Amino acid sequence: MRYAIGLHVTLNNYKKVAWTTFLLIILAFSLVSVSSGLQSYSAISSTGMVSYWPQVFVNVNLSDVIGSNNLSLGFMLSYEWKIWRDSAVRRQLAEDAGFKMVRIFDFLINPCSYWNESSRSGIFNWANVDLLVQRVFEVGAEPLVCLGNLDHTIEIPLGMAVNSTTGLPHPESFAAYCAEWIRHFKVAGLHVRYYEVFNEAWYYFYRNWNWNEVKAGYFLELFNTCYYAMHAENDQILVGNDASLHRKFLDYWKAHEGFLDFLSFHKYDCDGISMGDETPLLRAERRYFVTDSLFYGINDARQIWGANLPAIASECNWAATCVNGTDPRIQQVVGTVWLALVLRTAILENVQYYLYFSFSSSKSWELANKPSGGFGFGMINHDDNQPWYPYYLQKLIGTNLSIRDLIIESETSSNEIRSLAWFHGGTLNILLISKINETRIINLQGVVGQLNFSKIDNNVSYLTPSIQIGQVNATDALITNGYTVILLQSSI
């Protein structure tokens, strides 16, 4: 009996060893193929091993134009505004990526050292503002100036009074302050077109999702007064507010004759570090694009407003949490996949600008002072000016997609893979996004010949990020090993 049992165990062990060896051989081939990039995909497919993973078909219809692109990319300058302004390296990084808009806060630059409430005038030193705006224009972008802040605390010029009833500055006083900005830029010959009146005003009238219609009325009076005063100085400017797509706000604004020249919104799709990947990746394509109980989708908002207003995503990132540190996924591949999904949807939904929050952050400071393991909100490492994956992705798109580029039909057989195809000059571009952290086999249809590829995935660590480049034949199967963004390009 002991001998029989022992033999049975030995045979089982032999089977386990054989099966394990077989799996290791498959794994070894897979690792070799993945590490060598897209060029090796056909070699893998010829072995028959690709059948172990689900296949996805991407059909590109070169003759079916479905629209044209209106999206340009940009970024927010927060506390790093002066370092960016004075750093030739950082300004070159911005220019190299093709960024077209830079959002700045008035209260961080603070050109008004004191505001006289009785005379409704202030003491201004515009030197820092003017140089920053000039630098923005020099890199091929234009400014979006946000005047005032209601994010948790009110930010207005020193000396400006707060109305004890409303908790806001007096409308005529803040309107005079806003008009002073327009007047100055006109005199200085700086063509600044875009303005927001108060950052994140919903903290005032919609705190914790509790709508306060009385406060909304106070803010509407303030905003409209500013709108009139600013346009009196220059009727070519555009003035908006980043609460535009909140349903209660837009309904109230429309019903009570509020003014808006463009729709702007802040898009952060992950609520906290404990939230898994699935919900933010789902929200990437839905929140502010598809109407839900809290927010209007962009096109629904335009219909309600009765005008095809420009749309600006004026502040966006994977997550906004920062009390105990930022989300480590911001600079990782999954955060970059989220960003790719947002940009793809923004292109299809006719958004004019997408602004990433923010340009740079210090990895060393975050790791030394916060327990989350995050690197801050930036797409550039503040310590050494080295880009992270969100920058590389935006550079790929910003340098290969222009206004009025034709978007062509592309469909995938699975929602796990998203595609976007367009013509840029004489080049066909196909963006593929794998939003599942598993292996998938992608087969292209409707495209022939050799394609150049640029790829972001976990084969190159986010700690030392770089774009993987090479060539692949259109008839070869493409293997995505988890979260992946690929840009395929071919001359036409």
Protein backbone atom coordinates (compact mmCIF):
# COMPACT_ATOMS: atom_id res chain seq x y z
CA MET A 1 0.00 0.00 0.00
CA ARG A 2 2.80 2.39 0.85
CA TYR A 3 4.48 1.51 -2.47
CA ALA A 4 1.29 2.09 -4.44
CA ILE A 5 0.70 5.44 -2.77
CA GLY A 6 4.28 6.44 -3.32
CA LEU A 7 4.08 5.53 -6.98
CA HIS A 8 0.87 7.51 -7.33
CA VAL A 9 2.51 10.56 -5.74
CA THR A 10 5.60 10.16 -7.92
CA LEU A 11 3.51 10.00 -11.06
CA ASN A 12 1.53 13.02 -10.00
CA ASN A 13 4.75 14.91 -9.28
CA TYR A 14 6.07 13.89 -12.67
CA LYS A 15 2.91 15.23 -14.33
CA LYS A 16 3.16 18.47 -12.37
CA VAL A 17 6.81 18.90 -13.34
CA ALA A 18 6.04 18.21 -17.00
CA TRP A 19 3.09 20.59 -17.04
CA THR A 20 5.06 23.26 -15.20
CA THR A 21 7.92 22.90 -17.68
CA PHE A 22 5.50 23.28 -20.59
CA LEU A 23 4.02 26.45 -19.07
CA LEU A 24 7.47 27.87 -18.43
CA ILE A 25 8.42 27.29 -22.06
CA ILE A 26 5.30 29.16 -23.19
CA LEU A 27 6.03 31.94 -20.71
CA ALA A 28 9.63 32.18 -21.90
CA PHE A 29 8.51 32.57 -25.52
CA SER A 30 5.97 35.19 -24.43
CA LEU A 31 8.48 37.22 -22.47
CA VAL A 32 10.96 37.16 -25.32
CA SER A 33 8.31 38.22 -27.77
CA VAL A 34 6.99 41.03 -25.59
CA SER A 35 10.43 42.40 -24.76
CA SER A 36 11.31 42.59 -28.43
CA GLY A 37 8.32 44.84 -29.19
CA LEU A 38 5.65 44.72 -31.84
CA GLN A 39 7.98 43.43 -34.53
CA SER A 40 7.95 39.95 -33.01
CA TYR A 41 4.19 39.57 -32.94
CA SER A 42 4.01 37.69 -36.22
CA ALA A 43 6.65 35.24 -34.98
CA ILE A 44 4.51 34.48 -31.97
CA SER A 45 1.35 34.14 -33.99
CA SER A 46 3.04 31.66 -36.32
CA THR A 47 3.63 29.27 -33.41
CA GLY A 48 -0.10 29.08 -32.73
CA MET A 49 0.28 30.25 -29.16
CA VAL A 50 -1.74 33.40 -29.72
CA SER A 51 -4.91 31.31 -29.65
CA TYR A 52 -4.59 31.08 -25.86
CA TRP A 53 -5.61 34.75 -25.53
CA PRO A 54 -8.79 36.54 -26.67
CA GLN A 55 -8.56 38.20 -30.06
CA VAL A 56 -9.89 41.62 -30.96
CA PHE A 57 -10.48 42.87 -34.50
CA VAL A 58 -9.98 46.53 -35.39
CA ASN A 59 -11.51 47.60 -38.68
CA VAL A 60 -10.31 50.88 -40.19
CA ASN A 61 -12.42 52.28 -43.03
CA LEU A 62 -10.09 54.62 -44.88
CA SER A 63 -12.85 56.03 -47.08
CA ASP A 64 -15.33 56.92 -44.30
CA VAL A 65 -14.65 60.36 -42.79
CA ILE A 66 -16.73 60.81 -39.64
CA GLY A 67 -15.60 64.28 -38.60
CA SER A 68 -12.67 66.61 -38.05
CA ASN A 69 -10.59 67.33 -34.99
CA ASN A 70 -11.07 70.47 -32.90
CA LEU A 71 -9.05 69.45 -29.84
CA SER A 72 -5.83 71.09 -28.70
CA LEU A 73 -3.87 70.15 -25.58
CA GLY A 74 -2.60 72.30 -22.75
CA PHE A 75 -1.77 72.34 -19.06
CA MET A 76 -2.25 74.16 -15.79
CA LEU A 77 0.50 76.12 -14.08
CA SER A 78 -0.09 76.14 -10.35
CA TYR A 79 2.59 77.03 -7.80
CA GLU A 80 5.31 76.19 -10.32
CA TRP A 81 4.36 79.09 -12.61
CA LYS A 82 7.51 81.13 -11.96
CA ILE A 83 9.91 78.20 -12.35
CA TRP A 84 8.26 77.25 -15.65
CA ARG A 85 8.39 80.84 -16.84
CA ASP A 86 12.09 81.16 -16.07
CA SER A 87 13.19 77.69 -17.26
CA ALA A 88 14.15 77.41 -20.91
CA VAL A 89 14.18 73.60 -20.56
CA ARG A 90 10.59 73.42 -19.34
CA ARG A 91 9.34 75.88 -21.89
CA GLN A 92 11.03 73.80 -24.60
CA LEU A 93 9.30 70.68 -23.29
CA ALA A 94 5.98 72.49 -23.59
CA GLU A 95 6.74 73.64 -27.12
CA ASP A 96 8.00 70.20 -28.18
CA ALA A 97 4.71 68.59 -27.13
CA GLY A 98 2.61 71.06 -29.09
CA PHE A 99 0.64 72.43 -26.14
CA LYS A 100 -1.72 75.24 -27.15
CA MET A 101 -3.19 76.61 -23.90
CA VAL A 102 -1.85 77.35 -20.41
CA ARG A 103 -4.17 78.08 -17.48
CA ILE A 104 -2.93 80.40 -14.73
CA PHE A 105 -4.34 81.66 -11.41
CA ASP A 106 -4.36 85.38 -10.68
CA PHE A 107 -4.07 84.86 -6.92
CA LEU A 108 -0.82 82.88 -7.23
CA ILE A 109 0.91 85.57 -9.30
CA ASN A 110 -0.87 88.32 -7.36
CA PRO A 111 -0.16 91.47 -9.39
CA CYS A 112 -2.52 93.50 -7.18
CA SER A 113 -0.72 94.29 -3.94
CA TYR A 114 -3.68 96.24 -2.53
CA TRP A 115 -7.25 96.98 -3.54
CA ASN A 116 -8.99 100.17 -2.44
CA GLU A 117 -12.58 99.18 -1.84
CA SER A 118 -13.94 102.73 -1.72
CA SER A 119 -12.42 103.84 -5.04
CA ARG A 120 -12.65 100.36 -6.61
CA SER A 121 -9.10 100.57 -7.84
CA GLY A 122 -5.87 98.84 -6.99
CA ILE A 123 -2.11 99.07 -6.86
CA PHE A 124 -0.75 96.77 -9.59
CA ASN A 125 2.66 95.55 -10.67
CA TRP A 126 2.18 93.66 -13.93
CA ALA A 127 5.80 92.62 -14.54
CA ASN A 128 5.40 88.98 -13.50
CA VAL A 129 2.11 88.56 -15.32
CA ASP A 130 3.36 90.14 -18.54
CA LEU A 131 6.51 88.05 -18.70
CA LEU A 132 4.59 84.84 -18.02
CA VAL A 133 2.01 85.64 -20.70
CA GLN A 134 4.75 86.48 -23.18
CA ARG A 135 6.46 83.15 -22.44
CA VAL A 136 3.18 81.32 -23.01
CA PHE A 137 2.78 82.94 -26.42
CA GLU A 138 6.42 82.16 -27.28
CA VAL A 139 5.88 78.39 -26.93
CA GLY A 140 2.94 78.54 -29.34
CA ALA A 141 0.17 78.53 -26.71
CA GLU A 142 -2.27 81.09 -25.33
CA PRO A 143 -3.29 81.83 -21.74
CA LEU A 144 -6.50 81.03 -19.91
CA VAL A 145 -6.61 83.39 -16.92
CA CYS A 146 -8.68 82.36 -13.90
CA LEU A 147 -9.64 85.32 -11.70
CA GLY A 148 -10.46 84.53 -8.07
CA ASN A 149 -10.85 81.28 -6.17
CA LEU A 150 -13.63 79.64 -4.13
CA ASP A 151 -12.03 76.22 -3.72
CA HIS A 152 -12.47 75.70 0.06
CA THR A 153 -11.31 79.26 0.77
CA ILE A 154 -11.92 82.57 -0.96
CA GLU A 155 -8.98 84.19 -2.77
CA ILE A 156 -9.41 87.87 -3.68
CA PRO A 157 -7.01 90.85 -3.62
CA LEU A 158 -5.84 92.22 -0.30
CA GLY A 159 -8.10 95.09 0.77
CA MET A 160 -11.15 93.89 -1.16
CA ALA A 161 -14.18 93.62 1.13
CA VAL A 162 -16.37 90.55 1.52
CA ASN A 163 -20.11 91.11 1.75
CA SER A 164 -21.25 89.75 5.12
CA THR A 165 -24.56 88.61 3.65
CA THR A 166 -23.30 86.75 0.59
CA GLY A 167 -19.79 85.74 1.68
CA LEU A 168 -18.58 87.03 -1.70
CA PRO A 169 -16.89 90.26 -2.76
CA HIS A 170 -19.23 93.05 -3.78
CA PRO A 171 -20.07 92.50 -7.50
CA GLU A 172 -19.11 96.00 -8.66
CA SER A 173 -15.78 95.81 -6.86
CA PHE A 174 -14.69 92.42 -8.17
CA ALA A 175 -15.96 93.37 -11.63
CA ALA A 176 -13.74 96.47 -11.58
CA TYR A 177 -10.80 94.23 -10.63
CA CYS A 178 -11.53 91.82 -13.52
CA ALA A 179 -11.94 94.70 -15.95
CA GLU A 180 -8.52 96.00 -14.90
CA TRP A 181 -6.95 92.80 -16.28
CA ILE A 182 -8.66 93.24 -19.63
CA ARG A 183 -7.71 96.90 -19.78
CA HIS A 184 -4.08 96.19 -18.97
CA PHE A 185 -3.67 93.48 -21.61
CA LYS A 186 -5.22 95.77 -24.21
CA VAL A 187 -2.76 98.55 -23.37
CA ALA A 188 0.17 96.10 -23.23
CA GLY A 189 -0.74 94.63 -26.62
CA LEU A 190 -1.18 91.11 -25.21
CA HIS A 191 -4.03 89.30 -26.93
CA VAL A 192 -5.44 87.27 -24.02
CA ARG A 193 -8.84 85.89 -25.03
CA TYR A 194 -9.96 83.37 -22.40
CA TYR A 195 -10.99 84.04 -18.79
CA GLU A 196 -12.74 82.19 -15.99
CA VAL A 197 -14.41 84.07 -13.14
CA PHE A 198 -13.66 82.20 -9.91
CA ASN A 199 -12.09 78.78 -9.73
CA GLU A 200 -14.40 75.98 -8.53
CA ALA A 201 -17.26 78.20 -7.44
CA TRP A 202 -19.40 75.12 -6.79
CA TYR A 203 -17.72 74.87 -3.38
CA TYR A 204 -19.68 78.02 -2.56
CA PHE A 205 -23.17 77.18 -3.83
CA TYR A 206 -23.03 73.38 -4.21
CA ARG A 207 -20.81 72.21 -1.33
CA ASN A 208 -20.98 68.44 -0.65
CA TRP A 209 -23.63 68.22 -3.40
CA ASN A 210 -26.08 70.27 -1.34
CA TRP A 211 -27.54 72.80 -3.75
CA ASN A 212 -28.08 76.27 -2.29
CA GLU A 213 -30.22 78.30 -4.68
CA VAL A 214 -29.86 81.51 -2.67
CA LYS A 215 -26.07 81.34 -2.94
CA ALA A 216 -26.36 80.43 -6.61
CA GLY A 217 -28.28 83.69 -7.05
CA TYR A 218 -25.59 85.66 -5.26
CA PHE A 219 -22.93 84.14 -7.50
CA LEU A 220 -24.95 84.72 -10.67
CA GLU A 221 -25.21 88.43 -9.84
CA LEU A 222 -21.47 88.60 -9.23
CA PHE A 223 -20.60 86.69 -12.40
CA ASN A 224 -22.92 88.66 -14.67
CA THR A 225 -21.60 91.96 -13.32
CA CYS A 226 -18.05 90.84 -14.07
CA TYR A 227 -19.08 89.59 -17.50
CA TYR A 228 -20.53 92.99 -18.46
CA ALA A 229 -17.55 94.93 -17.14
CA MET A 230 -14.99 92.69 -18.87
CA HIS A 231 -16.75 92.77 -22.24
CA ALA A 232 -17.10 96.56 -21.97
CA GLU A 233 -13.30 96.68 -22.11
CA ASN A 234 -12.96 94.14 -24.93
CA ASP A 235 -15.91 92.55 -26.68
CA GLN A 236 -13.67 89.90 -28.28
CA ILE A 237 -12.85 88.04 -25.06
CA LEU A 238 -14.51 84.83 -23.89
CA VAL A 239 -15.62 84.42 -20.26
CA GLY A 240 -16.71 81.17 -18.63
CA ASN A 241 -16.94 79.25 -15.37
CA ASP A 242 -15.76 75.73 -14.58
CA ALA A 243 -19.09 74.70 -13.01
CA SER A 244 -20.67 74.83 -16.48
CA LEU A 245 -21.55 71.13 -16.78
CA HIS A 246 -23.04 70.72 -13.29
CA ARG A 247 -26.69 70.08 -14.08
CA LYS A 248 -28.16 72.27 -11.35
CA PHE A 249 -25.80 75.11 -12.23
CA LEU A 250 -26.52 75.09 -15.95
CA ASP A 251 -30.27 74.76 -15.45
CA TYR A 252 -30.23 77.68 -13.02
CA TRP A 253 -27.97 79.74 -15.27
CA LYS A 254 -30.21 79.18 -18.27
CA ALA A 255 -33.42 79.92 -16.35
CA HIS A 256 -32.07 83.12 -14.76
CA GLU A 257 -30.25 84.66 -17.73
CA GLY A 258 -26.70 83.95 -16.74
CA PHE A 259 -23.96 84.50 -19.29
CA LEU A 260 -21.37 82.05 -20.62
CA ASP A 261 -19.07 82.29 -23.65
CA PHE A 262 -17.73 78.74 -23.27
CA LEU A 263 -18.34 75.62 -21.21
CA SER A 264 -15.53 74.58 -18.90
CA PHE A 265 -15.21 71.72 -16.44
CA HIS A 266 -12.76 69.92 -14.16
CA LYS A 267 -12.36 66.20 -14.78
CA TYR A 268 -10.94 63.99 -12.01
CA ASP A 269 -12.30 60.46 -12.24
CA CYS A 270 -10.73 58.58 -9.32
CA ASP A 271 -12.22 59.37 -5.90
CA GLY A 272 -9.35 58.00 -3.81
CA ILE A 273 -6.34 55.72 -3.67
CA SER A 274 -8.49 52.84 -2.38
CA MET A 275 -10.67 52.92 -5.52
CA GLY A 276 -9.74 50.29 -8.09
CA ASP A 277 -8.91 50.95 -11.74
CA GLU A 278 -12.24 49.93 -13.24
CA THR A 279 -14.40 52.89 -12.16
CA PRO A 280 -11.99 55.69 -13.26
CA LEU A 281 -11.43 53.93 -16.60
CA LEU A 282 -15.20 53.75 -17.09
CA ARG A 283 -15.70 57.38 -16.07
CA ALA A 284 -12.96 58.46 -18.49
CA GLU A 285 -15.33 57.99 -21.42
CA ARG A 286 -18.56 58.97 -19.67
CA ARG A 287 -18.28 61.71 -17.03
CA TYR A 288 -18.93 65.11 -18.70
CA PHE A 289 -19.40 63.29 -22.01
CA VAL A 290 -22.61 61.38 -21.21
CA THR A 291 -25.35 63.05 -19.14
CA ASP A 292 -25.93 61.51 -15.71
CA SER A 293 -27.67 62.55 -12.49
CA LEU A 294 -25.00 65.14 -11.59
CA PHE A 295 -23.42 66.37 -14.81
CA TYR A 296 -24.47 67.16 -18.34
CA GLY A 297 -22.64 65.64 -21.25
CA ILE A 298 -21.03 68.33 -23.39
CA ASN A 299 -23.36 68.00 -26.37
CA ASP A 300 -26.48 67.88 -24.18
CA ALA A 301 -25.27 71.04 -22.43
CA ARG A 302 -24.85 72.77 -25.78
CA GLN A 303 -28.38 71.83 -26.79
CA ILE A 304 -29.81 73.08 -23.49
CA TRP A 305 -27.91 76.33 -23.81
CA GLY A 306 -29.07 76.68 -27.39
CA ALA A 307 -25.64 77.39 -28.82
CA ASN A 308 -22.60 75.41 -29.93
CA LEU A 309 -20.36 76.85 -27.22
CA PRO A 310 -16.66 75.93 -27.12
CA ALA A 311 -15.79 73.40 -24.42
CA ILE A 312 -12.65 73.51 -22.29
CA ALA A 313 -11.57 70.83 -19.85
CA SER A 314 -9.70 73.45 -17.86
CA GLU A 315 -8.32 71.18 -15.12
CA CYS A 316 -7.94 67.40 -15.43
CA ASN A 317 -6.05 64.46 -13.98
CA TRP A 318 -6.61 60.86 -12.93
CA ALA A 319 -7.35 61.92 -9.34
CA ALA A 320 -7.42 65.05 -7.17
CA THR A 321 -6.63 63.51 -3.77
CA CYS A 322 -3.62 65.03 -2.06
CA VAL A 323 -4.10 65.28 1.73
CA ASN A 324 -2.03 62.16 2.43
CA GLY A 325 -0.28 62.24 -0.91
CA THR A 326 -1.24 61.90 -4.54
CA ASP A 327 -2.38 58.72 -6.26
CA PRO A 328 0.67 56.74 -7.48
CA ARG A 329 -1.26 55.69 -10.59
CA ILE A 330 -1.16 59.22 -12.03
CA GLN A 331 2.25 58.65 -13.63
CA GLN A 332 1.82 54.90 -14.15
CA VAL A 333 0.63 53.21 -17.33
CA VAL A 334 -2.94 52.85 -16.05
CA GLY A 335 -3.11 56.62 -15.48
CA THR A 336 -1.81 57.13 -19.00
CA VAL A 337 -4.44 54.75 -20.41
CA TRP A 338 -7.09 56.78 -18.56
CA LEU A 339 -5.68 59.93 -20.16
CA ALA A 340 -5.72 58.34 -23.63
CA LEU A 341 -9.38 57.36 -23.18
CA VAL A 342 -10.28 60.90 -22.11
CA LEU A 343 -8.47 62.49 -25.04
CA ARG A 344 -10.01 60.07 -27.54
CA THR A 345 -13.50 60.82 -26.23
CA ALA A 346 -12.81 64.57 -26.13
CA ILE A 347 -11.88 64.47 -29.81
CA LEU A 348 -15.06 62.61 -30.71
CA GLU A 349 -17.20 64.94 -28.55
CA ASN A 350 -15.81 68.12 -30.12
CA VAL A 351 -13.95 69.53 -27.11
CA GLN A 352 -11.71 72.50 -27.94
CA TYR A 353 -9.07 72.29 -25.19
CA TYR A 354 -7.91 69.73 -22.66
CA LEU A 355 -5.65 71.10 -19.88
CA TYR A 356 -3.64 68.72 -17.73
CA PHE A 357 -3.17 69.52 -14.03
CA SER A 358 -0.32 70.18 -13.73
CA PHE A 359 2.90 70.68 -15.68
CA SER A 360 5.40 69.52 -13.04
CA SER A 361 5.71 68.14 -9.51
CA SER A 362 8.56 66.99 -7.30
CA LYS A 363 8.91 63.23 -6.94
CA SER A 364 11.48 63.58 -4.16
CA TRP A 365 9.36 65.99 -2.12
CA GLU A 366 6.25 63.81 -2.40
CA LEU A 367 8.08 60.65 -1.36
CA ALA A 368 9.75 62.42 1.55
CA ASN A 369 6.65 64.18 2.88
CA LYS A 370 3.62 62.06 1.93
CA PRO A 371 2.84 58.38 2.66
CA SER A 372 0.94 57.55 -0.54
CA GLY A 373 3.92 56.78 -2.77
CA GLY A 374 2.68 59.27 -5.36
CA PHE A 375 4.81 61.71 -7.33
CA GLY A 376 2.44 64.68 -7.29
CA PHE A 377 0.11 65.77 -10.09
CA GLY A 378 2.76 66.69 -12.67
CA MET A 379 3.66 65.18 -16.01
CA ILE A 380 7.27 66.36 -15.61
CA ASN A 381 9.51 65.52 -12.65
CA HIS A 382 10.27 68.85 -10.99
CA ASP A 383 13.59 67.45 -9.71
CA ASP A 384 15.31 66.76 -13.03
CA ASN A 385 12.90 67.96 -15.76
CA GLN A 386 12.38 64.37 -16.95
CA PRO A 387 8.95 63.53 -18.38
CA TRP A 388 6.60 60.86 -17.11
CA TYR A 389 4.22 58.84 -19.27
CA PRO A 390 1.36 61.40 -19.30
CA TYR A 391 3.71 63.86 -21.01
CA TYR A 392 4.90 61.29 -23.55
CA LEU A 393 1.32 60.42 -24.47
CA GLN A 394 0.31 64.05 -24.91
CA LYS A 395 3.41 64.69 -26.99
CA LEU A 396 2.50 61.75 -29.24
CA ILE A 397 -0.95 63.20 -29.82
CA GLY A 398 -0.05 66.89 -29.74
CA THR A 399 2.59 66.54 -32.47
CA ASN A 400 0.55 64.21 -34.69
CA LEU A 401 -2.94 65.72 -34.49
CA SER A 402 -3.90 69.20 -35.67
CA ILE A 403 -7.08 71.24 -35.89
CA ARG A 404 -9.22 70.11 -38.84
CA ASP A 405 -7.43 66.77 -39.26
CA LEU A 406 -9.96 64.31 -40.67
CA ILE A 407 -11.21 61.59 -38.32
CA ILE A 408 -12.01 58.31 -40.07
CA GLU A 409 -14.18 55.41 -39.04
CA SER A 410 -12.58 52.69 -36.90
CA GLU A 411 -14.40 49.99 -34.97
CA THR A 412 -13.26 47.30 -32.54
CA SER A 413 -14.93 43.97 -31.82
CA SER A 414 -14.46 44.40 -28.06
CA ASN A 415 -15.02 47.31 -25.65
CA GLU A 416 -11.76 46.32 -23.96
CA ILE A 417 -9.86 47.94 -26.83
CA ARG A 418 -10.57 51.45 -28.05
CA SER A 419 -9.42 52.89 -31.37
CA LEU A 420 -9.24 56.26 -33.07
CA ALA A 421 -8.00 56.84 -36.62
CA TRP A 422 -7.22 60.08 -38.42
CA PHE A 423 -5.23 61.62 -41.26
CA HIS A 424 -2.51 64.11 -40.37
CA GLY A 425 -0.87 65.55 -43.46
CA GLY A 426 0.19 62.55 -45.49
CA THR A 427 0.11 60.13 -42.55
CA LEU A 428 -2.53 57.69 -41.36
CA ASN A 429 -2.62 57.51 -37.56
CA ILE A 430 -4.30 54.71 -35.59
CA LEU A 431 -4.48 55.04 -31.81
CA LEU A 432 -5.14 51.78 -29.94
CA ILE A 433 -5.90 51.73 -26.21
CA SER A 434 -6.08 48.56 -24.13
CA LYS A 435 -8.03 49.38 -21.00
CA ILE A 436 -7.80 45.88 -19.55
CA ASN A 437 -4.81 44.63 -17.60
CA GLU A 438 -4.69 41.32 -19.46
CA THR A 439 -3.21 40.00 -22.68
CA ARG A 440 -5.17 40.59 -25.86
CA ILE A 441 -4.44 39.86 -29.52
CA ILE A 442 -5.32 42.69 -31.93
CA ASN A 443 -5.88 42.08 -35.64
CA LEU A 444 -6.03 45.08 -37.98
CA GLN A 445 -8.41 45.10 -40.92
CA GLY A 446 -8.56 47.61 -43.75
CA VAL A 447 -4.88 48.56 -43.49
CA VAL A 448 -1.93 47.15 -45.44
CA GLY A 449 1.83 47.53 -45.51
CA GLN A 450 4.37 48.50 -42.90
CA LEU A 451 3.36 50.61 -39.91
CA ASN A 452 5.60 52.54 -37.56
CA PHE A 453 4.60 52.18 -33.93
CA SER A 454 5.08 54.14 -30.72
CA LYS A 455 4.06 52.21 -27.63
CA ILE A 456 3.55 52.77 -23.90
CA ASP A 457 3.09 49.77 -21.63
CA ASN A 458 4.58 48.12 -18.57
CA ASN A 459 7.47 46.58 -20.51
CA VAL A 460 9.26 49.82 -19.67
CA SER A 461 8.79 50.84 -16.04
CA TYR A 462 7.01 54.10 -15.24
CA LEU A 463 9.99 54.83 -12.98
CA THR A 464 12.20 55.16 -16.07
CA PRO A 465 9.62 55.86 -18.78
CA SER A 466 10.31 55.97 -22.49
CA ILE A 467 8.44 55.44 -25.74
CA GLN A 468 9.04 52.07 -27.41
CA ILE A 469 9.31 52.47 -31.19
CA GLY A 470 9.65 50.18 -34.19
CA GLN A 471 7.79 48.73 -37.17
CA VAL A 472 5.15 46.08 -37.69
CA ASN A 473 3.36 44.65 -40.68
CA ALA A 474 -0.34 45.44 -40.81
CA THR A 475 -1.15 41.76 -41.30
CA ASP A 476 0.66 40.68 -38.15
CA ALA A 477 -1.19 40.13 -34.89
CA LEU A 478 -0.45 42.73 -32.21
CA ILE A 479 -0.16 41.57 -28.62
CA THR A 480 -1.01 43.97 -25.80
CA ASN A 481 0.37 42.70 -22.52
CA GLY A 482 -1.92 44.58 -20.11
CA TYR A 483 -2.63 48.31 -20.09
CA THR A 484 -1.28 49.68 -23.36
CA VAL A 485 -1.37 52.71 -25.64
CA ILE A 486 -0.09 52.27 -29.20
CA LEU A 487 0.09 54.83 -31.99
CA LEU A 488 0.46 53.22 -35.44
CA GLN A 489 1.43 55.38 -38.40
CA SER A 490 1.67 54.83 -42.13
CA SER A 491 2.30 57.10 -45.11
CA ILE A 492 -0.63 57.30 -47.50
